[in-house]
Amino acid sequence: MQVSPQADRVLVRLEELPEKSEGGVLLPKNAVKFERYLVGEVISVGKDAGSVERGQKVMFSDINAYEVNFGTSEKHCFCKVGDLLATIN
């Protein structure tokens, strides 16, 4: 399926949440919908997305992200380029 975000929006495939913390504490996935800050890979960009490119790893806040379900096991969300906090190299 080809999804093309409009204007300055990007489609991001979310990274899986870790099952354990660095200290070994189990983290139940059903306890939170989103982490406060999320990391994912940009899958598709709108025409006005500026310097953000497909394949970039980005960090953003869940406050303005809109989660979508495409019927797969992967999680995706849309957000505006201005809501991205950082790119990760």
PDB file of N, CA and C in Angstrom:
ATOM      1  N   MET A   1       0.843  -1.176   0.000  1.00  0.00           N
ATOM      2  CA  MET A   1       0.000   0.000   0.000  1.00  0.00           C
ATOM      3  C   MET A   1       0.893   1.245   0.000  1.00  0.00           C
ATOM      4  N   GLN A   2       0.565   2.196  -0.839  1.00  0.00           N
ATOM      5  CA  GLN A   2       1.308   3.455  -0.939  1.00  0.00           C
ATOM      6  C   GLN A   2       0.527   4.543  -0.215  1.00  0.00           C
ATOM      7  N   VAL A   3       1.127   5.132   0.815  1.00  0.00           N
ATOM      8  CA  VAL A   3       0.483   6.210   1.565  1.00  0.00           C
ATOM      9  C   VAL A   3       1.324   7.462   1.404  1.00  0.00           C
ATOM     10  N   SER A   4       0.693   8.546   0.960  1.00  0.00           N
ATOM     11  CA  SER A   4       1.397   9.812   0.750  1.00  0.00           C
ATOM     12  C   SER A   4       0.847  10.868   1.698  1.00  0.00           C
ATOM     13  N   PRO A   5       1.635  11.247   2.709  1.00  0.00           N
ATOM     14  CA  PRO A   5       1.180  12.312   3.612  1.00  0.00           C
ATOM     15  C   PRO A   5       1.002  13.622   2.867  1.00  0.00           C
ATOM     16  N   GLN A   6       0.124  14.456   3.360  1.00  0.00           N
ATOM     17  CA  GLN A   6      -0.155  15.745   2.743  1.00  0.00           C
ATOM     18  C   GLN A   6       0.639  16.859   3.433  1.00  0.00           C
ATOM     19  N   ALA A   7       0.933  17.907   2.688  1.00  0.00           N
ATOM     20  CA  ALA A   7       1.579  19.132   3.183  1.00  0.00           C
ATOM     21  C   ALA A   7       2.875  18.821   3.933  1.00  0.00           C
ATOM     22  N   ASP A   8       2.953  19.235   5.203  1.00  0.00           N
ATOM     23  CA  ASP A   8       4.201  19.098   5.971  1.00  0.00           C
ATOM     24  C   ASP A   8       4.156  17.915   6.939  1.00  0.00           C
ATOM     25  N   ARG A   9       3.388  16.895   6.623  1.00  0.00           N
ATOM     26  CA  ARG A   9       3.284  15.725   7.490  1.00  0.00           C
ATOM     27  C   ARG A   9       4.220  14.615   7.023  1.00  0.00           C
ATOM     28  N   VAL A  10       4.599  13.754   7.976  1.00  0.00           N
ATOM     29  CA  VAL A  10       5.413  12.582   7.677  1.00  0.00           C
ATOM     30  C   VAL A  10       4.740  11.351   8.272  1.00  0.00           C
ATOM     31  N   LEU A  11       4.957  10.211   7.632  1.00  0.00           N
ATOM     32  CA  LEU A  11       4.491   8.931   8.141  1.00  0.00           C
ATOM     33  C   LEU A  11       5.696   8.227   8.739  1.00  0.00           C
ATOM     34  N   VAL A  12       5.571   7.816   9.997  1.00  0.00           N
ATOM     35  CA  VAL A  12       6.686   7.211  10.718  1.00  0.00           C
ATOM     36  C   VAL A  12       6.308   5.806  11.165  1.00  0.00           C
ATOM     37  N   ARG A  13       7.217   4.841  10.935  1.00  0.00           N
ATOM     38  CA  ARG A  13       7.050   3.495  11.473  1.00  0.00           C
ATOM     39  C   ARG A  13       7.727   3.477  12.837  1.00  0.00           C
ATOM     40  N   LEU A  14       6.965   3.187  13.878  1.00  0.00           N
ATOM     41  CA  LEU A  14       7.476   3.232  15.238  1.00  0.00           C
ATOM     42  C   LEU A  14       8.384   2.045  15.535  1.00  0.00           C
ATOM     43  N   GLU A  15       9.421   2.292  16.335  1.00  0.00           N
ATOM     44  CA  GLU A  15      10.271   1.206  16.806  1.00  0.00           C
ATOM     45  C   GLU A  15       9.560   0.478  17.930  1.00  0.00           C
ATOM     46  N   GLU A  16       9.845  -0.793  18.057  1.00  0.00           N
ATOM     47  CA  GLU A  16       9.266  -1.592  19.134  1.00  0.00           C
ATOM     48  C   GLU A  16       9.748  -1.083  20.480  1.00  0.00           C
ATOM     49  N   LEU A  17       8.852  -1.087  21.462  1.00  0.00           N
ATOM     50  CA  LEU A  17       9.236  -0.722  22.815  1.00  0.00           C
ATOM     51  C   LEU A  17      10.075  -1.839  23.420  1.00  0.00           C
ATOM     52  N   PRO A  18      11.086  -1.505  24.216  1.00  0.00           N
ATOM     53  CA  PRO A  18      11.892  -2.554  24.832  1.00  0.00           C
ATOM     54  C   PRO A  18      11.060  -3.353  25.838  1.00  0.00           C
ATOM     55  N   GLU A  19      11.360  -4.664  25.947  1.00  0.00           N
ATOM     56  CA  GLU A  19      10.638  -5.505  26.897  1.00  0.00           C
ATOM     57  C   GLU A  19      11.196  -5.393  28.303  1.00  0.00           C
ATOM     58  N   LYS A  20      12.474  -4.996  28.399  1.00  0.00           N
ATOM     59  CA  LYS A  20      13.119  -4.841  29.711  1.00  0.00           C
ATOM     60  C   LYS A  20      13.875  -3.523  29.744  1.00  0.00           C
ATOM     61  N   SER A  21      13.968  -2.949  30.929  1.00  0.00           N
ATOM     62  CA  SER A  21      14.788  -1.752  31.091  1.00  0.00           C
ATOM     63  C   SER A  21      16.252  -2.182  31.161  1.00  0.00           C
ATOM     64  N   GLU A  22      17.160  -1.218  31.127  1.00  0.00           N
ATOM     65  CA  GLU A  22      18.582  -1.541  31.212  1.00  0.00           C
ATOM     66  C   GLU A  22      18.919  -2.230  32.529  1.00  0.00           C
ATOM     67  N   GLY A  23      18.133  -1.969  33.557  1.00  0.00           N
ATOM     68  CA  GLY A  23      18.351  -2.593  34.861  1.00  0.00           C
ATOM     69  C   GLY A  23      17.707  -3.958  35.000  1.00  0.00           C
ATOM     70  N   GLY A  24      16.967  -4.414  33.958  1.00  0.00           N
ATOM     71  CA  GLY A  24      16.366  -5.734  33.969  1.00  0.00           C
ATOM     72  C   GLY A  24      14.915  -5.776  34.409  1.00  0.00           C
ATOM     73  N   VAL A  25      14.293  -4.615  34.632  1.00  0.00           N
ATOM     74  CA  VAL A  25      12.901  -4.565  35.054  1.00  0.00           C
ATOM     75  C   VAL A  25      12.005  -4.800  33.837  1.00  0.00           C
ATOM     76  N   LEU A  26      11.033  -5.693  33.951  1.00  0.00           N
ATOM     77  CA  LEU A  26      10.098  -5.954  32.858  1.00  0.00           C
ATOM     78  C   LEU A  26       9.179  -4.762  32.664  1.00  0.00           C
ATOM     79  N   LEU A  27       8.976  -4.360  31.404  1.00  0.00           N
ATOM     80  CA  LEU A  27       8.130  -3.224  31.068  1.00  0.00           C
ATOM     81  C   LEU A  27       6.888  -3.729  30.349  1.00  0.00           C
ATOM     82  N   PRO A  28       5.713  -3.730  31.005  1.00  0.00           N
ATOM     83  CA  PRO A  28       4.506  -4.218  30.325  1.00  0.00           C
ATOM     84  C   PRO A  28       4.071  -3.272  29.215  1.00  0.00           C
ATOM     85  N   LYS A  29       3.865  -3.812  28.015  1.00  0.00           N
ATOM     86  CA  LYS A  29       3.492  -2.986  26.866  1.00  0.00           C
ATOM     87  C   LYS A  29       2.076  -2.442  26.972  1.00  0.00           C
ATOM     88  N   ASN A  30       1.206  -3.129  27.690  1.00  0.00           N
ATOM     89  CA  ASN A  30      -0.172  -2.659  27.801  1.00  0.00           C
ATOM     90  C   ASN A  30      -0.328  -1.544  28.830  1.00  0.00           C
ATOM     91  N   ALA A  31       0.733  -1.170  29.507  1.00  0.00           N
ATOM     92  CA  ALA A  31       0.653  -0.118  30.521  1.00  0.00           C
ATOM     93  C   ALA A  31       0.585   1.273  29.906  1.00  0.00           C
ATOM     94  N   VAL A  32       1.176   1.440  28.715  1.00  0.00           N
ATOM     95  CA  VAL A  32       1.172   2.750  28.048  1.00  0.00           C
ATOM     96  C   VAL A  32       0.848   2.587  26.569  1.00  0.00           C
ATOM     97  N   LYS A  33       0.100   3.538  26.012  1.00  0.00           N
ATOM     98  CA  LYS A  33      -0.180   3.540  24.571  1.00  0.00           C
ATOM     99  C   LYS A  33       1.079   3.957  23.827  1.00  0.00           C
ATOM    100  N   PHE A  34       1.655   5.054  24.236  1.00  0.00           N
ATOM    101  CA  PHE A  34       2.872   5.600  23.650  1.00  0.00           C
ATOM    102  C   PHE A  34       3.872   5.886  24.761  1.00  0.00           C
ATOM    103  N   GLU A  35       5.126   5.848  24.426  1.00  0.00           N
ATOM    104  CA  GLU A  35       6.133   6.426  25.296  1.00  0.00           C
ATOM    105  C   GLU A  35       5.989   7.935  25.177  1.00  0.00           C
ATOM    106  N   ARG A  36       6.477   8.672  26.143  1.00  0.00           N
ATOM    107  CA  ARG A  36       6.380  10.127  26.075  1.00  0.00           C
ATOM    108  C   ARG A  36       7.123  10.648  24.850  1.00  0.00           C
ATOM    109  N   TYR A  37       8.294  10.110  24.585  1.00  0.00           N
ATOM    110  CA  TYR A  37       9.043  10.462  23.384  1.00  0.00           C
ATOM    111  C   TYR A  37       9.243   9.197  22.576  1.00  0.00           C
ATOM    112  N   LEU A  38       8.980   9.271  21.299  1.00  0.00           N
ATOM    113  CA  LEU A  38       9.027   8.106  20.430  1.00  0.00           C
ATOM    114  C   LEU A  38      10.151   8.209  19.419  1.00  0.00           C
ATOM    115  N   VAL A  39      10.585   7.057  18.959  1.00  0.00           N
ATOM    116  CA  VAL A  39      11.607   6.976  17.926  1.00  0.00           C
ATOM    117  C   VAL A  39      11.062   6.095  16.814  1.00  0.00           C
ATOM    118  N   GLY A  40      11.339   6.486  15.580  1.00  0.00           N
ATOM    119  CA  GLY A  40      10.900   5.686  14.453  1.00  0.00           C
ATOM    120  C   GLY A  40      11.593   6.086  13.174  1.00  0.00           C
ATOM    121  N   GLU A  41      11.255   5.369  12.109  1.00  0.00           N
ATOM    122  CA  GLU A  41      11.837   5.619  10.797  1.00  0.00           C
ATOM    123  C   GLU A  41      10.799   6.271   9.898  1.00  0.00           C
ATOM    124  N   VAL A  42      11.207   7.330   9.196  1.00  0.00           N
ATOM    125  CA  VAL A  42      10.313   8.027   8.274  1.00  0.00           C
ATOM    126  C   VAL A  42      10.078   7.128   7.062  1.00  0.00           C
ATOM    127  N   ILE A  43       8.815   6.819   6.800  1.00  0.00           N
ATOM    128  CA  ILE A  43       8.431   5.950   5.692  1.00  0.00           C
ATOM    129  C   ILE A  43       8.037   6.763   4.465  1.00  0.00           C
ATOM    130  N   SER A  44       7.361   7.885   4.691  1.00  0.00           N
ATOM    131  CA  SER A  44       6.875   8.705   3.586  1.00  0.00           C
ATOM    132  C   SER A  44       6.780  10.155   4.065  1.00  0.00           C
ATOM    133  N   VAL A  45       7.002  11.104   3.152  1.00  0.00           N
ATOM    134  CA  VAL A  45       6.972  12.525   3.509  1.00  0.00           C
ATOM    135  C   VAL A  45       6.036  13.289   2.573  1.00  0.00           C
ATOM    136  N   GLY A  46       5.431  14.351   3.114  1.00  0.00           N
ATOM    137  CA  GLY A  46       4.596  15.231   2.315  1.00  0.00           C
ATOM    138  C   GLY A  46       5.443  16.173   1.472  1.00  0.00           C
ATOM    139  N   LYS A  47       4.809  16.878   0.532  1.00  0.00           N
ATOM    140  CA  LYS A  47       5.522  17.772  -0.382  1.00  0.00           C
ATOM    141  C   LYS A  47       6.200  18.939   0.324  1.00  0.00           C
ATOM    142  N   ASP A  48       5.638  19.391   1.453  1.00  0.00           N
ATOM    143  CA  ASP A  48       6.192  20.541   2.169  1.00  0.00           C
ATOM    144  C   ASP A  48       7.004  20.131   3.390  1.00  0.00           C
ATOM    145  N   ALA A  49       7.565  18.933   3.375  1.00  0.00           N
ATOM    146  CA  ALA A  49       8.274  18.411   4.550  1.00  0.00           C
ATOM    147  C   ALA A  49       9.681  18.974   4.715  1.00  0.00           C
ATOM    148  N   GLY A  50      10.152  19.745   3.795  1.00  0.00           N
ATOM    149  CA  GLY A  50      11.464  20.374   3.934  1.00  0.00           C
ATOM    150  C   GLY A  50      12.602  19.378   3.823  1.00  0.00           C
ATOM    151  N   SER A  51      13.503  19.389   4.806  1.00  0.00           N
ATOM    152  CA  SER A  51      14.725  18.591   4.729  1.00  0.00           C
ATOM    153  C   SER A  51      14.576  17.167   5.253  1.00  0.00           C
ATOM    154  N   VAL A  52      13.408  16.789   5.735  1.00  0.00           N
ATOM    155  CA  VAL A  52      13.205  15.430   6.225  1.00  0.00           C
ATOM    156  C   VAL A  52      13.076  14.492   5.031  1.00  0.00           C
ATOM    157  N   GLU A  53      13.799  13.366   5.092  1.00  0.00           N
ATOM    158  CA  GLU A  53      13.806  12.431   3.977  1.00  0.00           C
ATOM    159  C   GLU A  53      13.368  11.047   4.423  1.00  0.00           C
ATOM    160  N   ARG A  54      12.882  10.295   3.480  1.00  0.00           N
ATOM    161  CA  ARG A  54      12.498   8.910   3.718  1.00  0.00           C
ATOM    162  C   ARG A  54      13.719   8.131   4.213  1.00  0.00           C
ATOM    163  N   GLY A  55      13.526   7.276   5.221  1.00  0.00           N
ATOM    164  CA  GLY A  55      14.611   6.458   5.751  1.00  0.00           C
ATOM    165  C   GLY A  55      15.311   7.058   6.960  1.00  0.00           C
ATOM    166  N   GLN A  56      15.084   8.346   7.237  1.00  0.00           N
ATOM    167  CA  GLN A  56      15.701   8.972   8.402  1.00  0.00           C
ATOM    168  C   GLN A  56      15.078   8.453   9.679  1.00  0.00           C
ATOM    169  N   LYS A  57      15.889   8.312  10.709  1.00  0.00           N
ATOM    170  CA  LYS A  57      15.398   7.938  12.026  1.00  0.00           C
ATOM    171  C   LYS A  57      15.142   9.238  12.783  1.00  0.00           C
ATOM    172  N   VAL A  58      13.957   9.356  13.383  1.00  0.00           N
ATOM    173  CA  VAL A  58      13.569  10.600  14.045  1.00  0.00           C
ATOM    174  C   VAL A  58      13.028  10.336  15.444  1.00  0.00           C
ATOM    175  N   MET A  59      13.069  11.372  16.265  1.00  0.00           N
ATOM    176  CA  MET A  59      12.470  11.343  17.598  1.00  0.00           C
ATOM    177  C   MET A  59      11.400  12.426  17.625  1.00  0.00           C
ATOM    178  N   PHE A  60      10.260  12.102  18.231  1.00  0.00           N
ATOM    179  CA  PHE A  60       9.162  13.061  18.294  1.00  0.00           C
ATOM    180  C   PHE A  60       8.340  12.790  19.537  1.00  0.00           C
ATOM    181  N   SER A  61       7.452  13.699  19.848  1.00  0.00           N
ATOM    182  CA  SER A  61       6.600  13.578  21.022  1.00  0.00           C
ATOM    183  C   SER A  61       5.273  12.950  20.638  1.00  0.00           C
ATOM    184  N   ASP A  62       4.697  12.183  21.566  1.00  0.00           N
ATOM    185  CA  ASP A  62       3.402  11.548  21.294  1.00  0.00           C
ATOM    186  C   ASP A  62       2.237  12.528  21.401  1.00  0.00           C
ATOM    187  N   ILE A  63       2.469  13.726  21.867  1.00  0.00           N
ATOM    188  CA  ILE A  63       1.389  14.684  22.084  1.00  0.00           C
ATOM    189  C   ILE A  63       0.670  15.030  20.788  1.00  0.00           C
ATOM    190  N   ASN A  64       1.412  15.245  19.698  1.00  0.00           N
ATOM    191  CA  ASN A  64       0.799  15.642  18.434  1.00  0.00           C
ATOM    192  C   ASN A  64       0.856  14.552  17.370  1.00  0.00           C
ATOM    193  N   ALA A  65       1.206  13.334  17.755  1.00  0.00           N
ATOM    194  CA  ALA A  65       1.263  12.228  16.800  1.00  0.00           C
ATOM    195  C   ALA A  65      -0.105  11.563  16.707  1.00  0.00           C
ATOM    196  N   TYR A  66      -0.457  11.122  15.503  1.00  0.00           N
ATOM    197  CA  TYR A  66      -1.735  10.474  15.263  1.00  0.00           C
ATOM    198  C   TYR A  66      -1.467   9.038  14.816  1.00  0.00           C
ATOM    199  N   GLU A  67      -1.734   8.088  15.697  1.00  0.00           N
ATOM    200  CA  GLU A  67      -1.471   6.685  15.400  1.00  0.00           C
ATOM    201  C   GLU A  67      -2.480   6.156  14.388  1.00  0.00           C
ATOM    202  N   VAL A  68      -1.997   5.362  13.415  1.00  0.00           N
ATOM    203  CA  VAL A  68      -2.868   4.761  12.414  1.00  0.00           C
ATOM    204  C   VAL A  68      -2.613   3.258  12.354  1.00  0.00           C
ATOM    205  N   ASN A  69      -3.639   2.512  11.954  1.00  0.00           N
ATOM    206  CA  ASN A  69      -3.545   1.065  11.850  1.00  0.00           C
ATOM    207  C   ASN A  69      -3.752   0.680  10.390  1.00  0.00           C
ATOM    208  N   PHE A  70      -2.724   0.087   9.790  1.00  0.00           N
ATOM    209  CA  PHE A  70      -2.809  -0.357   8.403  1.00  0.00           C
ATOM    210  C   PHE A  70      -3.076  -1.856   8.301  1.00  0.00           C
ATOM    211  N   GLY A  71      -3.436  -2.490   9.414  1.00  0.00           N
ATOM    212  CA  GLY A  71      -3.741  -3.912   9.411  1.00  0.00           C
ATOM    213  C   GLY A  71      -2.518  -4.806   9.445  1.00  0.00           C
ATOM    214  N   THR A  72      -1.376  -4.264   9.850  1.00  0.00           N
ATOM    215  CA  THR A  72      -0.158  -5.061   9.978  1.00  0.00           C
ATOM    216  C   THR A  72       0.271  -5.054  11.444  1.00  0.00           C
ATOM    217  N   SER A  73       1.287  -5.826  11.752  1.00  0.00           N
ATOM    218  CA  SER A  73       1.782  -5.865  13.132  1.00  0.00           C
ATOM    219  C   SER A  73       2.617  -4.629  13.476  1.00  0.00           C
ATOM    220  N   GLU A  74       3.079  -3.895  12.460  1.00  0.00           N
ATOM    221  CA  GLU A  74       3.877  -2.693  12.712  1.00  0.00           C
ATOM    222  C   GLU A  74       2.965  -1.533  13.104  1.00  0.00           C
ATOM    223  N   LYS A  75       3.489  -0.633  13.939  1.00  0.00           N
ATOM    224  CA  LYS A  75       2.741   0.554  14.344  1.00  0.00           C
ATOM    225  C   LYS A  75       3.263   1.754  13.565  1.00  0.00           C
ATOM    226  N   HIS A  76       2.329   2.592  13.109  1.00  0.00           N
ATOM    227  CA  HIS A  76       2.662   3.792  12.342  1.00  0.00           C
ATOM    228  C   HIS A  76       1.952   4.990  12.931  1.00  0.00           C
ATOM    229  N   CYS A  77       2.493   6.165  12.670  1.00  0.00           N
ATOM    230  CA  CYS A  77       1.800   7.385  13.053  1.00  0.00           C
ATOM    231  C   CYS A  77       2.162   8.512  12.090  1.00  0.00           C
ATOM    232  N   PHE A  78       1.279   9.476  12.025  1.00  0.00           N
ATOM    233  CA  PHE A  78       1.513  10.707  11.276  1.00  0.00           C
ATOM    234  C   PHE A  78       1.848  11.808  12.256  1.00  0.00           C
ATOM    235  N   CYS A  79       2.748  12.695  11.865  1.00  0.00           N
ATOM    236  CA  CYS A  79       3.000  13.908  12.646  1.00  0.00           C
ATOM    237  C   CYS A  79       3.513  14.984  11.696  1.00  0.00           C
ATOM    238  N   LYS A  80       3.461  16.218  12.161  1.00  0.00           N
ATOM    239  CA  LYS A  80       3.967  17.342  11.362  1.00  0.00           C
ATOM    240  C   LYS A  80       5.477  17.439  11.528  1.00  0.00           C
ATOM    241  N   VAL A  81       6.135  17.925  10.491  1.00  0.00           N
ATOM    242  CA  VAL A  81       7.587  18.072  10.534  1.00  0.00           C
ATOM    243  C   VAL A  81       7.993  18.970  11.703  1.00  0.00           C
ATOM    244  N   GLY A  82       7.213  20.012  11.983  1.00  0.00           N
ATOM    245  CA  GLY A  82       7.519  20.919  13.092  1.00  0.00           C
ATOM    246  C   GLY A  82       7.438  20.263  14.453  1.00  0.00           C
ATOM    247  N   ASP A  83       6.764  19.112  14.556  1.00  0.00           N
ATOM    248  CA  ASP A  83       6.669  18.383  15.810  1.00  0.00           C
ATOM    249  C   ASP A  83       7.807  17.400  16.038  1.00  0.00           C
ATOM    250  N   LEU A  84       8.666  17.218  15.018  1.00  0.00           N
ATOM    251  CA  LEU A  84       9.831  16.355  15.191  1.00  0.00           C
ATOM    252  C   LEU A  84      10.817  17.027  16.137  1.00  0.00           C
ATOM    253  N   LEU A  85      11.345  16.256  17.078  1.00  0.00           N
ATOM    254  CA  LEU A  85      12.295  16.808  18.055  1.00  0.00           C
ATOM    255  C   LEU A  85      13.733  16.714  17.564  1.00  0.00           C
ATOM    256  N   ALA A  86      14.061  15.642  16.844  1.00  0.00           N
ATOM    257  CA  ALA A  86      15.441  15.450  16.415  1.00  0.00           C
ATOM    258  C   ALA A  86      15.520  14.370  15.333  1.00  0.00           C
ATOM    259  N   THR A  87      16.608  14.414  14.564  1.00  0.00           N
ATOM    260  CA  THR A  87      16.934  13.300  13.681  1.00  0.00           C
ATOM    261  C   THR A  87      18.072  12.541  14.364  1.00  0.00           C
ATOM    262  N   ILE A  88      18.095  11.237  14.173  1.00  0.00           N
ATOM    263  CA  ILE A  88      19.082  10.392  14.832  1.00  0.00           C
ATOM    264  C   ILE A  88      19.987   9.796  13.772  1.00  0.00           C
ATOM    265  N   ASN A  89      21.295   9.960  13.936  1.00  0.00           N
ATOM    266  CA  ASN A  89      22.273   9.431  12.967  1.00  0.00           C
ATOM    267  C   ASN A  89      22.840   8.123  13.447  1.00  0.00           C
TER     268      ASN A  89
END
